[in-house]
Amino acid sequence: MLIHPWDAADETEWREWLARHSFGQLAVNGLPGDPPWVQPAHFRYDAEPGPYGRVITHLARPNPLWRALEADPQVLLSVVDDYVYVPGTWTASEGAPAEHGTPTSYYAAVQLRCVARVVDDPAEKAALLNRQVAHFQPEGGTAPAAPGEAPFGRMLSGIRGLSLEVTEVRAKFKYAGNKPEHVRRGVAERLAERAGPGDLAARAHQLRRLTADE
């Protein structure tokens, strides 16, 4: 992922964003002759331990990526959101014809390089599952998983847990940071008017970054 200086995110920015985004794609190196595996998954990101934190998730035991993962535990978790298409007619410089504007995409992306550890111990696996559920369902209402206990104890054998130690983070917030202020504010106004999927989130990023540049 190419990250220009004006698109780079500092640690506070990407950590705050990642705390609100818990679905991504886990990329695992393929076995010789195979392409990489890419697995969509919900996950929980914990800011500790270590300098970059840890990710936990789980997958079904029959998932075909396990052999590749055990052969090479170096993985990449990619999280992308707050993306929109920006028409070229919105981005023309002041005084230039609208048709000379450049169409582009805005998005936020965080890539976590990790070392994976497979979790098969029933007690540790149950604890991992309970932490995930607590993240997505803090109001409770679902019985905890516990080995040998109803209702989920018998189901633990059907999954394997993953604990991903994050070793490197690359974060990109592409919201026209290299464009003049009048172009950026004009695009923000158009996003508010269009108000389609992702538009208001992208607009919030653009205005926040404009304020930070002042």
N, C-alpha and C. Protein backbone atom coordinates (compact mmCIF):
# COMPACT_ATOMS: atom_id res chain seq x y z
N MET A 1 0.85 -1.19 0.00
CA MET A 1 0.00 0.00 0.00
C MET A 1 0.89 1.24 0.00
N LEU A 2 0.76 2.04 -1.04
CA LEU A 2 1.49 3.30 -1.13
C LEU A 2 0.87 4.32 -0.17
N ILE A 3 1.73 4.95 0.65
CA ILE A 3 1.25 5.97 1.58
C ILE A 3 2.04 7.25 1.34
N HIS A 4 1.39 8.24 0.74
CA HIS A 4 2.02 9.55 0.58
C HIS A 4 2.07 10.26 1.93
N PRO A 5 2.98 11.18 2.10
CA PRO A 5 3.07 11.90 3.40
C PRO A 5 1.75 12.54 3.82
N TRP A 6 0.98 13.07 2.86
CA TRP A 6 -0.27 13.75 3.21
C TRP A 6 -1.41 12.77 3.54
N ASP A 7 -1.19 11.49 3.27
CA ASP A 7 -2.19 10.47 3.60
C ASP A 7 -1.85 9.69 4.87
N ALA A 8 -0.64 9.89 5.39
CA ALA A 8 -0.19 9.10 6.53
C ALA A 8 -1.02 9.42 7.77
N ALA A 9 -1.24 8.40 8.60
CA ALA A 9 -1.98 8.56 9.85
C ALA A 9 -1.03 8.37 11.02
N ASP A 10 -1.18 9.22 12.03
CA ASP A 10 -0.36 9.02 13.22
C ASP A 10 -0.98 7.94 14.09
N GLU A 11 -0.28 7.58 15.15
CA GLU A 11 -0.71 6.45 15.96
C GLU A 11 -2.05 6.70 16.64
N THR A 12 -2.26 7.92 17.11
CA THR A 12 -3.54 8.23 17.75
C THR A 12 -4.69 8.07 16.76
N GLU A 13 -4.49 8.54 15.54
CA GLU A 13 -5.55 8.49 14.53
C GLU A 13 -5.93 7.06 14.18
N TRP A 14 -4.93 6.23 13.89
CA TRP A 14 -5.29 4.87 13.47
C TRP A 14 -5.81 4.04 14.64
N ARG A 15 -5.29 4.28 15.85
CA ARG A 15 -5.80 3.52 17.00
C ARG A 15 -7.26 3.86 17.29
N GLU A 16 -7.61 5.14 17.25
CA GLU A 16 -9.00 5.54 17.50
C GLU A 16 -9.92 4.97 16.43
N TRP A 17 -9.46 4.98 15.18
CA TRP A 17 -10.28 4.44 14.10
C TRP A 17 -10.44 2.93 14.23
N LEU A 18 -9.34 2.24 14.52
CA LEU A 18 -9.40 0.78 14.62
C LEU A 18 -10.28 0.34 15.79
N ALA A 19 -10.35 1.14 16.84
CA ALA A 19 -11.21 0.81 17.98
C ALA A 19 -12.68 0.76 17.57
N ARG A 20 -13.03 1.40 16.45
CA ARG A 20 -14.42 1.43 15.98
C ARG A 20 -14.66 0.52 14.78
N HIS A 21 -13.63 -0.19 14.34
CA HIS A 21 -13.77 -1.04 13.16
C HIS A 21 -13.24 -2.43 13.48
N SER A 22 -14.10 -3.42 13.36
CA SER A 22 -13.77 -4.76 13.83
C SER A 22 -14.09 -5.83 12.79
N PHE A 23 -14.01 -5.47 11.51
CA PHE A 23 -14.20 -6.46 10.46
C PHE A 23 -13.16 -6.21 9.38
N GLY A 24 -12.45 -7.26 8.99
CA GLY A 24 -11.41 -7.09 7.98
C GLY A 24 -11.17 -8.37 7.22
N GLN A 25 -10.08 -8.37 6.45
CA GLN A 25 -9.71 -9.54 5.66
C GLN A 25 -8.32 -10.01 6.08
N LEU A 26 -8.24 -11.26 6.47
CA LEU A 26 -7.00 -11.86 6.91
C LEU A 26 -6.32 -12.52 5.71
N ALA A 27 -5.12 -12.04 5.36
CA ALA A 27 -4.37 -12.59 4.23
C ALA A 27 -3.28 -13.51 4.75
N VAL A 28 -3.28 -14.74 4.23
CA VAL A 28 -2.33 -15.78 4.65
C VAL A 28 -1.57 -16.25 3.42
N ASN A 29 -0.24 -16.33 3.53
CA ASN A 29 0.56 -16.81 2.40
C ASN A 29 0.14 -18.21 2.00
N GLY A 30 -0.02 -18.43 0.69
CA GLY A 30 -0.41 -19.75 0.22
C GLY A 30 0.74 -20.73 0.27
N LEU A 31 0.40 -22.02 0.22
CA LEU A 31 1.42 -23.05 0.10
C LEU A 31 2.05 -22.96 -1.30
N PRO A 32 3.23 -23.53 -1.50
CA PRO A 32 3.88 -23.44 -2.82
C PRO A 32 2.93 -23.81 -3.95
N GLY A 33 2.84 -22.90 -4.92
CA GLY A 33 1.96 -23.13 -6.06
C GLY A 33 0.55 -22.63 -5.88
N ASP A 34 0.21 -22.19 -4.68
CA ASP A 34 -1.13 -21.69 -4.41
C ASP A 34 -1.12 -20.17 -4.25
N PRO A 35 -2.20 -19.50 -4.60
CA PRO A 35 -2.31 -18.07 -4.30
C PRO A 35 -2.53 -17.87 -2.81
N PRO A 36 -2.41 -16.63 -2.32
CA PRO A 36 -2.69 -16.37 -0.91
C PRO A 36 -4.16 -16.67 -0.57
N TRP A 37 -4.38 -17.02 0.68
CA TRP A 37 -5.74 -17.15 1.20
C TRP A 37 -6.17 -15.79 1.75
N VAL A 38 -7.41 -15.42 1.51
CA VAL A 38 -7.96 -14.18 2.06
C VAL A 38 -9.29 -14.53 2.73
N GLN A 39 -9.34 -14.31 4.05
CA GLN A 39 -10.48 -14.73 4.85
C GLN A 39 -11.15 -13.52 5.50
N PRO A 40 -12.41 -13.19 5.12
CA PRO A 40 -13.14 -12.13 5.84
C PRO A 40 -13.46 -12.61 7.26
N ALA A 41 -13.37 -11.70 8.22
CA ALA A 41 -13.64 -12.11 9.61
C ALA A 41 -13.88 -10.91 10.51
N HIS A 42 -14.78 -11.10 11.47
CA HIS A 42 -14.87 -10.19 12.61
C HIS A 42 -13.69 -10.47 13.53
N PHE A 43 -13.22 -9.45 14.22
CA PHE A 43 -12.10 -9.63 15.13
C PHE A 43 -12.23 -8.63 16.28
N ARG A 44 -11.45 -8.88 17.31
CA ARG A 44 -11.31 -7.92 18.41
C ARG A 44 -9.86 -7.46 18.45
N TYR A 45 -9.67 -6.15 18.44
CA TYR A 45 -8.33 -5.58 18.57
C TYR A 45 -8.14 -5.10 20.00
N ASP A 46 -7.06 -5.53 20.63
CA ASP A 46 -6.68 -5.08 21.96
C ASP A 46 -5.38 -4.30 21.85
N ALA A 47 -5.35 -3.11 22.42
CA ALA A 47 -4.18 -2.23 22.29
C ALA A 47 -2.94 -2.80 22.98
N GLU A 48 -3.11 -3.72 23.88
CA GLU A 48 -2.01 -4.39 24.58
C GLU A 48 -2.20 -5.89 24.43
N PRO A 49 -1.14 -6.68 24.57
CA PRO A 49 0.22 -6.34 24.99
C PRO A 49 1.08 -5.92 23.81
N GLY A 50 2.33 -5.57 24.10
CA GLY A 50 3.27 -5.19 23.07
C GLY A 50 3.05 -3.78 22.57
N PRO A 51 3.94 -3.31 21.73
CA PRO A 51 3.84 -1.92 21.25
C PRO A 51 2.65 -1.68 20.34
N TYR A 52 2.17 -2.73 19.65
CA TYR A 52 1.07 -2.55 18.70
C TYR A 52 -0.18 -3.34 19.04
N GLY A 53 -0.13 -4.12 20.10
CA GLY A 53 -1.33 -4.81 20.52
C GLY A 53 -1.50 -6.20 19.92
N ARG A 54 -2.74 -6.68 20.01
CA ARG A 54 -3.06 -8.05 19.62
C ARG A 54 -4.46 -8.09 19.02
N VAL A 55 -4.66 -9.02 18.11
CA VAL A 55 -5.97 -9.28 17.51
C VAL A 55 -6.37 -10.70 17.86
N ILE A 56 -7.64 -10.90 18.20
CA ILE A 56 -8.15 -12.25 18.40
C ILE A 56 -9.35 -12.48 17.50
N THR A 57 -9.45 -13.69 17.00
CA THR A 57 -10.58 -14.08 16.18
C THR A 57 -10.67 -15.60 16.20
N HIS A 58 -11.63 -16.16 15.47
CA HIS A 58 -11.73 -17.62 15.37
C HIS A 58 -12.33 -17.96 14.02
N LEU A 59 -12.03 -19.17 13.57
CA LEU A 59 -12.54 -19.66 12.29
C LEU A 59 -12.96 -21.12 12.44
N ALA A 60 -13.78 -21.57 11.52
CA ALA A 60 -14.23 -22.96 11.56
C ALA A 60 -13.06 -23.92 11.34
N ARG A 61 -13.09 -25.03 12.03
CA ARG A 61 -12.01 -26.01 11.89
C ARG A 61 -11.85 -26.52 10.46
N PRO A 62 -12.93 -26.71 9.67
CA PRO A 62 -12.74 -27.19 8.29
C PRO A 62 -12.17 -26.14 7.34
N ASN A 63 -11.94 -24.91 7.80
CA ASN A 63 -11.44 -23.87 6.91
C ASN A 63 -10.15 -24.35 6.23
N PRO A 64 -10.03 -24.21 4.91
CA PRO A 64 -8.85 -24.74 4.22
C PRO A 64 -7.57 -23.95 4.41
N LEU A 65 -7.63 -22.80 5.08
CA LEU A 65 -6.40 -22.00 5.20
C LEU A 65 -5.47 -22.47 6.32
N TRP A 66 -5.92 -23.41 7.19
CA TRP A 66 -5.12 -23.77 8.36
C TRP A 66 -3.75 -24.32 7.99
N ARG A 67 -3.67 -25.16 6.96
CA ARG A 67 -2.37 -25.73 6.58
C ARG A 67 -1.40 -24.63 6.17
N ALA A 68 -1.89 -23.67 5.40
CA ALA A 68 -1.03 -22.57 4.98
C ALA A 68 -0.61 -21.72 6.17
N LEU A 69 -1.52 -21.50 7.07
CA LEU A 69 -1.22 -20.69 8.25
C LEU A 69 -0.19 -21.36 9.15
N GLU A 70 -0.29 -22.66 9.30
CA GLU A 70 0.67 -23.38 10.13
C GLU A 70 2.04 -23.45 9.45
N ALA A 71 2.06 -23.41 8.11
CA ALA A 71 3.33 -23.42 7.39
C ALA A 71 4.03 -22.07 7.49
N ASP A 72 3.25 -20.99 7.56
CA ASP A 72 3.83 -19.64 7.65
C ASP A 72 2.91 -18.77 8.49
N PRO A 73 3.27 -18.50 9.74
CA PRO A 73 2.40 -17.74 10.64
C PRO A 73 2.43 -16.23 10.40
N GLN A 74 3.23 -15.76 9.43
CA GLN A 74 3.26 -14.33 9.13
C GLN A 74 2.02 -13.99 8.30
N VAL A 75 1.14 -13.13 8.84
CA VAL A 75 -0.11 -12.82 8.17
C VAL A 75 -0.32 -11.30 8.13
N LEU A 76 -1.29 -10.90 7.34
CA LEU A 76 -1.65 -9.48 7.25
C LEU A 76 -3.16 -9.35 7.41
N LEU A 77 -3.58 -8.51 8.34
CA LEU A 77 -4.99 -8.21 8.51
C LEU A 77 -5.25 -6.82 7.92
N SER A 78 -6.12 -6.76 6.92
CA SER A 78 -6.42 -5.51 6.23
C SER A 78 -7.83 -5.04 6.60
N VAL A 79 -7.93 -3.79 7.05
CA VAL A 79 -9.21 -3.21 7.44
C VAL A 79 -9.41 -1.94 6.62
N VAL A 80 -10.51 -1.86 5.87
CA VAL A 80 -10.80 -0.71 5.00
C VAL A 80 -12.24 -0.28 5.23
N ASP A 81 -12.46 1.03 5.35
CA ASP A 81 -13.82 1.54 5.53
C ASP A 81 -13.83 3.04 5.22
N ASP A 82 -15.00 3.65 5.39
CA ASP A 82 -15.19 5.08 5.18
C ASP A 82 -14.72 5.47 3.78
N TYR A 83 -15.06 4.63 2.81
CA TYR A 83 -14.63 4.84 1.44
C TYR A 83 -15.77 5.40 0.59
N VAL A 84 -15.41 6.28 -0.34
CA VAL A 84 -16.38 6.88 -1.25
C VAL A 84 -15.70 7.12 -2.59
N TYR A 85 -16.51 7.22 -3.63
CA TYR A 85 -16.04 7.66 -4.94
C TYR A 85 -16.33 9.16 -5.05
N VAL A 86 -15.33 9.90 -5.50
CA VAL A 86 -15.47 11.36 -5.66
C VAL A 86 -15.41 11.68 -7.15
N PRO A 87 -16.49 12.20 -7.73
CA PRO A 87 -16.48 12.53 -9.17
C PRO A 87 -15.45 13.61 -9.49
N GLY A 88 -14.91 13.53 -10.69
CA GLY A 88 -13.92 14.52 -11.11
C GLY A 88 -14.47 15.94 -11.13
N THR A 89 -15.76 16.07 -11.38
CA THR A 89 -16.36 17.42 -11.43
C THR A 89 -16.34 18.12 -10.09
N TRP A 90 -16.06 17.38 -9.02
CA TRP A 90 -16.00 17.98 -7.68
C TRP A 90 -14.61 18.50 -7.34
N THR A 91 -13.60 18.07 -8.08
CA THR A 91 -12.23 18.30 -7.64
C THR A 91 -11.45 19.31 -8.49
N ALA A 92 -12.11 19.93 -9.45
CA ALA A 92 -11.40 20.88 -10.30
C ALA A 92 -10.89 22.07 -9.49
N SER A 93 -9.70 22.54 -9.81
CA SER A 93 -9.15 23.71 -9.12
C SER A 93 -9.96 24.96 -9.48
N GLU A 94 -9.87 25.95 -8.64
CA GLU A 94 -10.60 27.19 -8.84
C GLU A 94 -10.23 27.81 -10.19
N GLY A 95 -11.25 28.13 -10.97
CA GLY A 95 -11.03 28.74 -12.28
C GLY A 95 -10.89 27.75 -13.41
N ALA A 96 -10.71 26.45 -13.10
CA ALA A 96 -10.56 25.42 -14.13
C ALA A 96 -11.93 24.85 -14.49
N PRO A 97 -12.10 24.39 -15.74
CA PRO A 97 -13.38 23.74 -16.11
C PRO A 97 -13.65 22.52 -15.23
N ALA A 98 -14.90 22.30 -14.89
CA ALA A 98 -15.26 21.17 -14.02
C ALA A 98 -14.80 19.85 -14.62
N GLU A 99 -14.83 19.74 -15.95
CA GLU A 99 -14.47 18.48 -16.58
C GLU A 99 -12.97 18.18 -16.50
N HIS A 100 -12.20 19.14 -16.01
CA HIS A 100 -10.76 18.92 -15.85
C HIS A 100 -10.41 18.36 -14.46
N GLY A 101 -11.40 18.23 -13.60
CA GLY A 101 -11.14 17.64 -12.29
C GLY A 101 -10.84 16.15 -12.39
N THR A 102 -10.11 15.64 -11.42
CA THR A 102 -9.68 14.24 -11.44
C THR A 102 -10.58 13.38 -10.54
N PRO A 103 -11.26 12.38 -11.12
CA PRO A 103 -12.02 11.46 -10.26
C PRO A 103 -11.06 10.73 -9.31
N THR A 104 -11.54 10.42 -8.13
CA THR A 104 -10.67 9.76 -7.16
C THR A 104 -11.48 8.98 -6.15
N SER A 105 -10.79 8.30 -5.28
CA SER A 105 -11.40 7.57 -4.17
C SER A 105 -10.87 8.13 -2.86
N TYR A 106 -11.74 8.19 -1.87
CA TYR A 106 -11.32 8.47 -0.50
C TYR A 106 -11.52 7.19 0.30
N TYR A 107 -10.62 6.93 1.24
CA TYR A 107 -10.80 5.77 2.11
C TYR A 107 -9.84 5.84 3.28
N ALA A 108 -10.19 5.07 4.31
CA ALA A 108 -9.29 4.84 5.44
C ALA A 108 -8.89 3.37 5.42
N ALA A 109 -7.61 3.10 5.60
CA ALA A 109 -7.13 1.72 5.57
C ALA A 109 -6.05 1.53 6.62
N VAL A 110 -6.18 0.46 7.38
CA VAL A 110 -5.16 0.08 8.36
C VAL A 110 -4.78 -1.36 8.08
N GLN A 111 -3.49 -1.59 7.91
CA GLN A 111 -2.97 -2.94 7.69
C GLN A 111 -2.10 -3.35 8.87
N LEU A 112 -2.43 -4.48 9.46
CA LEU A 112 -1.72 -4.99 10.62
C LEU A 112 -0.93 -6.23 10.20
N ARG A 113 0.39 -6.12 10.27
CA ARG A 113 1.22 -7.30 10.05
C ARG A 113 1.34 -8.04 11.38
N CYS A 114 1.11 -9.34 11.35
CA CYS A 114 1.00 -10.09 12.60
C CYS A 114 1.71 -11.43 12.50
N VAL A 115 2.01 -11.97 13.68
CA VAL A 115 2.45 -13.35 13.81
C VAL A 115 1.31 -14.12 14.47
N ALA A 116 0.84 -15.14 13.78
CA ALA A 116 -0.35 -15.87 14.23
C ALA A 116 0.01 -17.04 15.13
N ARG A 117 -0.81 -17.23 16.14
CA ARG A 117 -0.71 -18.42 16.99
C ARG A 117 -2.08 -19.08 17.02
N VAL A 118 -2.12 -20.35 16.65
CA VAL A 118 -3.38 -21.09 16.64
C VAL A 118 -3.72 -21.53 18.05
N VAL A 119 -4.96 -21.34 18.44
CA VAL A 119 -5.43 -21.67 19.78
C VAL A 119 -6.36 -22.88 19.70
N ASP A 120 -5.91 -24.01 20.26
CA ASP A 120 -6.72 -25.22 20.27
C ASP A 120 -7.08 -25.68 21.68
N ASP A 121 -6.38 -25.17 22.69
CA ASP A 121 -6.72 -25.55 24.06
C ASP A 121 -8.16 -25.13 24.37
N PRO A 122 -9.02 -26.03 24.80
CA PRO A 122 -10.43 -25.71 24.97
C PRO A 122 -10.68 -24.53 25.92
N ALA A 123 -9.97 -24.48 27.04
CA ALA A 123 -10.19 -23.39 28.00
C ALA A 123 -9.74 -22.05 27.42
N GLU A 124 -8.58 -22.02 26.77
CA GLU A 124 -8.10 -20.77 26.17
C GLU A 124 -9.00 -20.34 25.02
N LYS A 125 -9.47 -21.33 24.28
CA LYS A 125 -10.35 -21.03 23.16
C LYS A 125 -11.68 -20.44 23.66
N ALA A 126 -12.21 -20.99 24.72
CA ALA A 126 -13.45 -20.45 25.30
C ALA A 126 -13.24 -19.03 25.80
N ALA A 127 -12.11 -18.77 26.45
CA ALA A 127 -11.82 -17.42 26.93
C ALA A 127 -11.71 -16.44 25.76
N LEU A 128 -11.09 -16.88 24.66
CA LEU A 128 -10.97 -16.03 23.48
C LEU A 128 -12.35 -15.71 22.92
N LEU A 129 -13.19 -16.71 22.81
CA LEU A 129 -14.55 -16.49 22.30
C LEU A 129 -15.32 -15.52 23.18
N ASN A 130 -15.21 -15.70 24.49
CA ASN A 130 -15.95 -14.82 25.41
C ASN A 130 -15.48 -13.38 25.30
N ARG A 131 -14.17 -13.18 25.06
CA ARG A 131 -13.66 -11.82 24.88
C ARG A 131 -14.20 -11.21 23.58
N GLN A 132 -14.27 -12.01 22.54
CA GLN A 132 -14.84 -11.50 21.29
C GLN A 132 -16.30 -11.10 21.46
N VAL A 133 -17.07 -11.97 22.07
CA VAL A 133 -18.50 -11.68 22.25
C VAL A 133 -18.68 -10.44 23.12
N ALA A 134 -17.86 -10.30 24.15
CA ALA A 134 -17.98 -9.12 25.02
C ALA A 134 -17.69 -7.84 24.26
N HIS A 135 -16.82 -7.90 23.26
CA HIS A 135 -16.51 -6.73 22.45
C HIS A 135 -17.70 -6.33 21.59
N PHE A 136 -18.33 -7.31 20.94
CA PHE A 136 -19.42 -7.01 20.03
C PHE A 136 -20.77 -6.92 20.73
N GLN A 137 -20.88 -7.50 21.90
CA GLN A 137 -22.17 -7.57 22.59
C GLN A 137 -21.97 -7.21 24.07
N PRO A 138 -21.54 -5.97 24.34
CA PRO A 138 -21.25 -5.59 25.73
C PRO A 138 -22.47 -5.63 26.63
N GLU A 139 -23.65 -5.58 26.03
CA GLU A 139 -24.88 -5.65 26.83
C GLU A 139 -25.15 -7.05 27.34
N GLY A 140 -24.36 -8.04 26.90
CA GLY A 140 -24.56 -9.40 27.36
C GLY A 140 -25.72 -10.07 26.66
N GLY A 141 -26.29 -11.07 27.33
CA GLY A 141 -27.44 -11.77 26.78
C GLY A 141 -27.12 -13.12 26.17
N THR A 142 -25.83 -13.41 25.98
CA THR A 142 -25.42 -14.72 25.45
C THR A 142 -24.64 -15.46 26.51
N ALA A 143 -24.95 -16.74 26.69
CA ALA A 143 -24.26 -17.55 27.70
C ALA A 143 -22.78 -17.65 27.36
N PRO A 144 -21.92 -17.68 28.38
CA PRO A 144 -20.49 -17.82 28.11
C PRO A 144 -20.16 -19.22 27.61
N ALA A 145 -19.07 -19.28 26.81
CA ALA A 145 -18.58 -20.58 26.38
C ALA A 145 -17.69 -21.15 27.47
N ALA A 146 -17.84 -22.46 27.74
CA ALA A 146 -17.02 -23.15 28.73
C ALA A 146 -16.89 -24.60 28.31
N PRO A 147 -15.69 -25.16 28.34
CA PRO A 147 -15.50 -26.55 27.91
C PRO A 147 -16.40 -27.50 28.69
N GLY A 148 -17.09 -28.36 27.95
CA GLY A 148 -17.91 -29.39 28.59
C GLY A 148 -19.21 -28.91 29.17
N GLU A 149 -19.54 -27.63 29.00
CA GLU A 149 -20.76 -27.08 29.58
C GLU A 149 -21.69 -26.58 28.48
N ALA A 150 -22.99 -26.79 28.68
CA ALA A 150 -23.99 -26.28 27.74
C ALA A 150 -24.06 -24.75 27.86
N PRO A 151 -24.42 -24.04 26.80
CA PRO A 151 -24.88 -24.59 25.51
C PRO A 151 -23.79 -24.69 24.45
N PHE A 152 -22.59 -24.18 24.72
CA PHE A 152 -21.59 -24.07 23.66
C PHE A 152 -20.39 -25.01 23.81
N GLY A 153 -20.31 -25.71 24.94
CA GLY A 153 -19.14 -26.54 25.19
C GLY A 153 -18.87 -27.56 24.10
N ARG A 154 -19.91 -28.19 23.60
CA ARG A 154 -19.73 -29.22 22.57
C ARG A 154 -19.33 -28.62 21.23
N MET A 155 -19.58 -27.32 21.05
CA MET A 155 -19.28 -26.67 19.76
C MET A 155 -17.83 -26.20 19.67
N LEU A 156 -17.12 -26.18 20.79
CA LEU A 156 -15.76 -25.67 20.77
C LEU A 156 -14.84 -26.48 19.86
N SER A 157 -15.10 -27.77 19.74
CA SER A 157 -14.24 -28.61 18.90
C SER A 157 -14.38 -28.27 17.41
N GLY A 158 -15.42 -27.55 17.05
CA GLY A 158 -15.66 -27.22 15.65
C GLY A 158 -14.96 -25.96 15.18
N ILE A 159 -14.27 -25.28 16.08
CA ILE A 159 -13.57 -24.05 15.71
C ILE A 159 -12.13 -24.10 16.21
N ARG A 160 -11.32 -23.19 15.68
CA ARG A 160 -9.97 -22.97 16.19
C ARG A 160 -9.81 -21.47 16.39
N GLY A 161 -9.14 -21.10 17.47
CA GLY A 161 -8.92 -19.70 17.75
C GLY A 161 -7.64 -19.19 17.11
N LEU A 162 -7.56 -17.87 16.98
CA LEU A 162 -6.36 -17.23 16.46
C LEU A 162 -6.00 -16.05 17.34
N SER A 163 -4.76 -16.03 17.79
CA SER A 163 -4.22 -14.89 18.50
C SER A 163 -3.12 -14.30 17.63
N LEU A 164 -3.28 -13.06 17.21
CA LEU A 164 -2.37 -12.43 16.26
C LEU A 164 -1.60 -11.32 16.96
N GLU A 165 -0.30 -11.53 17.13
CA GLU A 165 0.56 -10.50 17.70
C GLU A 165 0.91 -9.49 16.61
N VAL A 166 0.52 -8.25 16.79
CA VAL A 166 0.76 -7.22 15.77
C VAL A 166 2.21 -6.74 15.88
N THR A 167 2.94 -6.84 14.77
CA THR A 167 4.36 -6.46 14.76
C THR A 167 4.62 -5.18 13.96
N GLU A 168 3.67 -4.79 13.11
CA GLU A 168 3.85 -3.58 12.30
C GLU A 168 2.49 -3.07 11.88
N VAL A 169 2.34 -1.75 11.81
CA VAL A 169 1.09 -1.14 11.40
C VAL A 169 1.36 -0.15 10.28
N ARG A 170 0.58 -0.25 9.21
CA ARG A 170 0.60 0.74 8.14
C ARG A 170 -0.80 1.31 8.01
N ALA A 171 -0.90 2.63 8.09
CA ALA A 171 -2.21 3.27 8.11
C ALA A 171 -2.26 4.41 7.10
N LYS A 172 -3.33 4.46 6.35
CA LYS A 172 -3.51 5.47 5.30
C LYS A 172 -4.91 6.05 5.38
N PHE A 173 -5.00 7.37 5.45
CA PHE A 173 -6.27 8.07 5.43
C PHE A 173 -6.25 8.99 4.21
N LYS A 174 -6.80 8.50 3.11
CA LYS A 174 -6.71 9.19 1.81
C LYS A 174 -7.92 10.11 1.64
N TYR A 175 -7.75 11.36 2.01
CA TYR A 175 -8.84 12.34 1.94
C TYR A 175 -8.35 13.65 1.34
N ALA A 176 -7.58 13.55 0.23
CA ALA A 176 -7.15 14.71 -0.55
C ALA A 176 -6.32 15.69 0.25
N GLY A 177 -5.47 15.18 1.12
CA GLY A 177 -4.63 16.06 1.92
C GLY A 177 -3.66 16.89 1.11
N ASN A 178 -3.45 16.53 -0.16
CA ASN A 178 -2.54 17.28 -1.02
C ASN A 178 -3.26 18.35 -1.84
N LYS A 179 -4.58 18.47 -1.71
CA LYS A 179 -5.35 19.43 -2.49
C LYS A 179 -5.51 20.75 -1.76
N PRO A 180 -5.73 21.85 -2.50
CA PRO A 180 -5.97 23.15 -1.85
C PRO A 180 -7.21 23.09 -0.95
N GLU A 181 -7.20 23.96 0.04
CA GLU A 181 -8.30 23.95 1.01
C GLU A 181 -9.64 24.15 0.35
N HIS A 182 -9.73 25.04 -0.65
CA HIS A 182 -11.04 25.30 -1.25
C HIS A 182 -11.59 24.07 -1.96
N VAL A 183 -10.70 23.25 -2.53
CA VAL A 183 -11.15 22.01 -3.16
C VAL A 183 -11.65 21.04 -2.10
N ARG A 184 -10.91 20.90 -1.03
CA ARG A 184 -11.29 19.96 0.02
C ARG A 184 -12.61 20.36 0.67
N ARG A 185 -12.77 21.64 0.93
CA ARG A 185 -14.04 22.08 1.54
C ARG A 185 -15.19 21.96 0.55
N GLY A 186 -14.92 22.19 -0.72
CA GLY A 186 -15.97 22.01 -1.72
C GLY A 186 -16.43 20.57 -1.81
N VAL A 187 -15.46 19.64 -1.77
CA VAL A 187 -15.82 18.22 -1.79
C VAL A 187 -16.61 17.85 -0.53
N ALA A 188 -16.21 18.39 0.61
CA ALA A 188 -16.93 18.11 1.85
C ALA A 188 -18.39 18.56 1.75
N GLU A 189 -18.63 19.71 1.12
CA GLU A 189 -20.01 20.18 0.94
C GLU A 189 -20.79 19.23 0.04
N ARG A 190 -20.16 18.76 -1.04
CA ARG A 190 -20.84 17.85 -1.95
C ARG A 190 -21.14 16.51 -1.28
N LEU A 191 -20.22 16.05 -0.44
CA LEU A 191 -20.47 14.80 0.29
C LEU A 191 -21.68 14.94 1.21
N ALA A 192 -21.80 16.10 1.86
CA ALA A 192 -22.95 16.33 2.74
C ALA A 192 -24.24 16.35 1.94
N GLU A 193 -24.19 16.93 0.75
CA GLU A 193 -25.38 16.98 -0.09
C GLU A 193 -25.77 15.60 -0.60
N ARG A 194 -24.77 14.84 -1.02
CA ARG A 194 -25.06 13.50 -1.56
C ARG A 194 -25.51 12.55 -0.46
N ALA A 195 -24.82 12.57 0.66
CA ALA A 195 -25.19 11.79 1.85
C ALA A 195 -25.49 10.32 1.54
N GLY A 196 -24.68 9.73 0.66
CA GLY A 196 -24.83 8.32 0.36
C GLY A 196 -24.02 7.47 1.33
N PRO A 197 -23.95 6.16 1.07
CA PRO A 197 -23.19 5.28 1.96
C PRO A 197 -21.73 5.73 2.07
N GLY A 198 -21.27 5.93 3.28
CA GLY A 198 -19.90 6.32 3.52
C GLY A 198 -19.60 7.80 3.39
N ASP A 199 -20.52 8.58 2.80
CA ASP A 199 -20.23 9.99 2.51
C ASP A 199 -19.99 10.81 3.77
N LEU A 200 -20.83 10.64 4.77
CA LEU A 200 -20.70 11.49 5.96
C LEU A 200 -19.47 11.10 6.78
N ALA A 201 -19.14 9.82 6.79
CA ALA A 201 -17.92 9.40 7.50
C ALA A 201 -16.69 9.94 6.80
N ALA A 202 -16.68 9.87 5.46
CA ALA A 202 -15.55 10.42 4.71
C ALA A 202 -15.45 11.93 4.91
N ARG A 203 -16.58 12.60 4.91
CA ARG A 203 -16.60 14.05 5.12
C ARG A 203 -16.03 14.41 6.49
N ALA A 204 -16.39 13.63 7.51
CA ALA A 204 -15.88 13.90 8.86
C ALA A 204 -14.36 13.77 8.90
N HIS A 205 -13.82 12.77 8.22
CA HIS A 205 -12.37 12.63 8.15
C HIS A 205 -11.74 13.84 7.47
N GLN A 206 -12.35 14.26 6.36
CA GLN A 206 -11.77 15.37 5.60
C GLN A 206 -11.77 16.65 6.41
N LEU A 207 -12.88 16.96 7.07
CA LEU A 207 -12.95 18.18 7.87
C LEU A 207 -12.03 18.10 9.08
N ARG A 208 -11.95 16.94 9.71
CA ARG A 208 -11.06 16.80 10.87
C ARG A 208 -9.60 17.01 10.47
N ARG A 209 -9.23 16.46 9.33
CA ARG A 209 -7.85 16.61 8.87
C ARG A 209 -7.58 18.05 8.40
N LEU A 210 -8.58 18.70 7.85
CA LEU A 210 -8.41 20.12 7.51
C LEU A 210 -8.14 20.94 8.74
N THR A 211 -8.89 20.68 9.80
CA THR A 211 -8.70 21.42 11.05
C THR A 211 -7.32 21.16 11.61
N ALA A 212 -6.85 19.92 11.52
CA ALA A 212 -5.53 19.57 12.05
C ALA A 212 -4.43 20.27 11.27
N ASP A 213 -4.67 20.57 10.00
CA ASP A 213 -3.66 21.24 9.17
C ASP A 213 -3.58 22.73 9.41
N GLU A 214 -4.60 23.29 10.05
CA GLU A 214 -4.63 24.75 10.23
C GLU A 214 -3.65 25.20 11.31
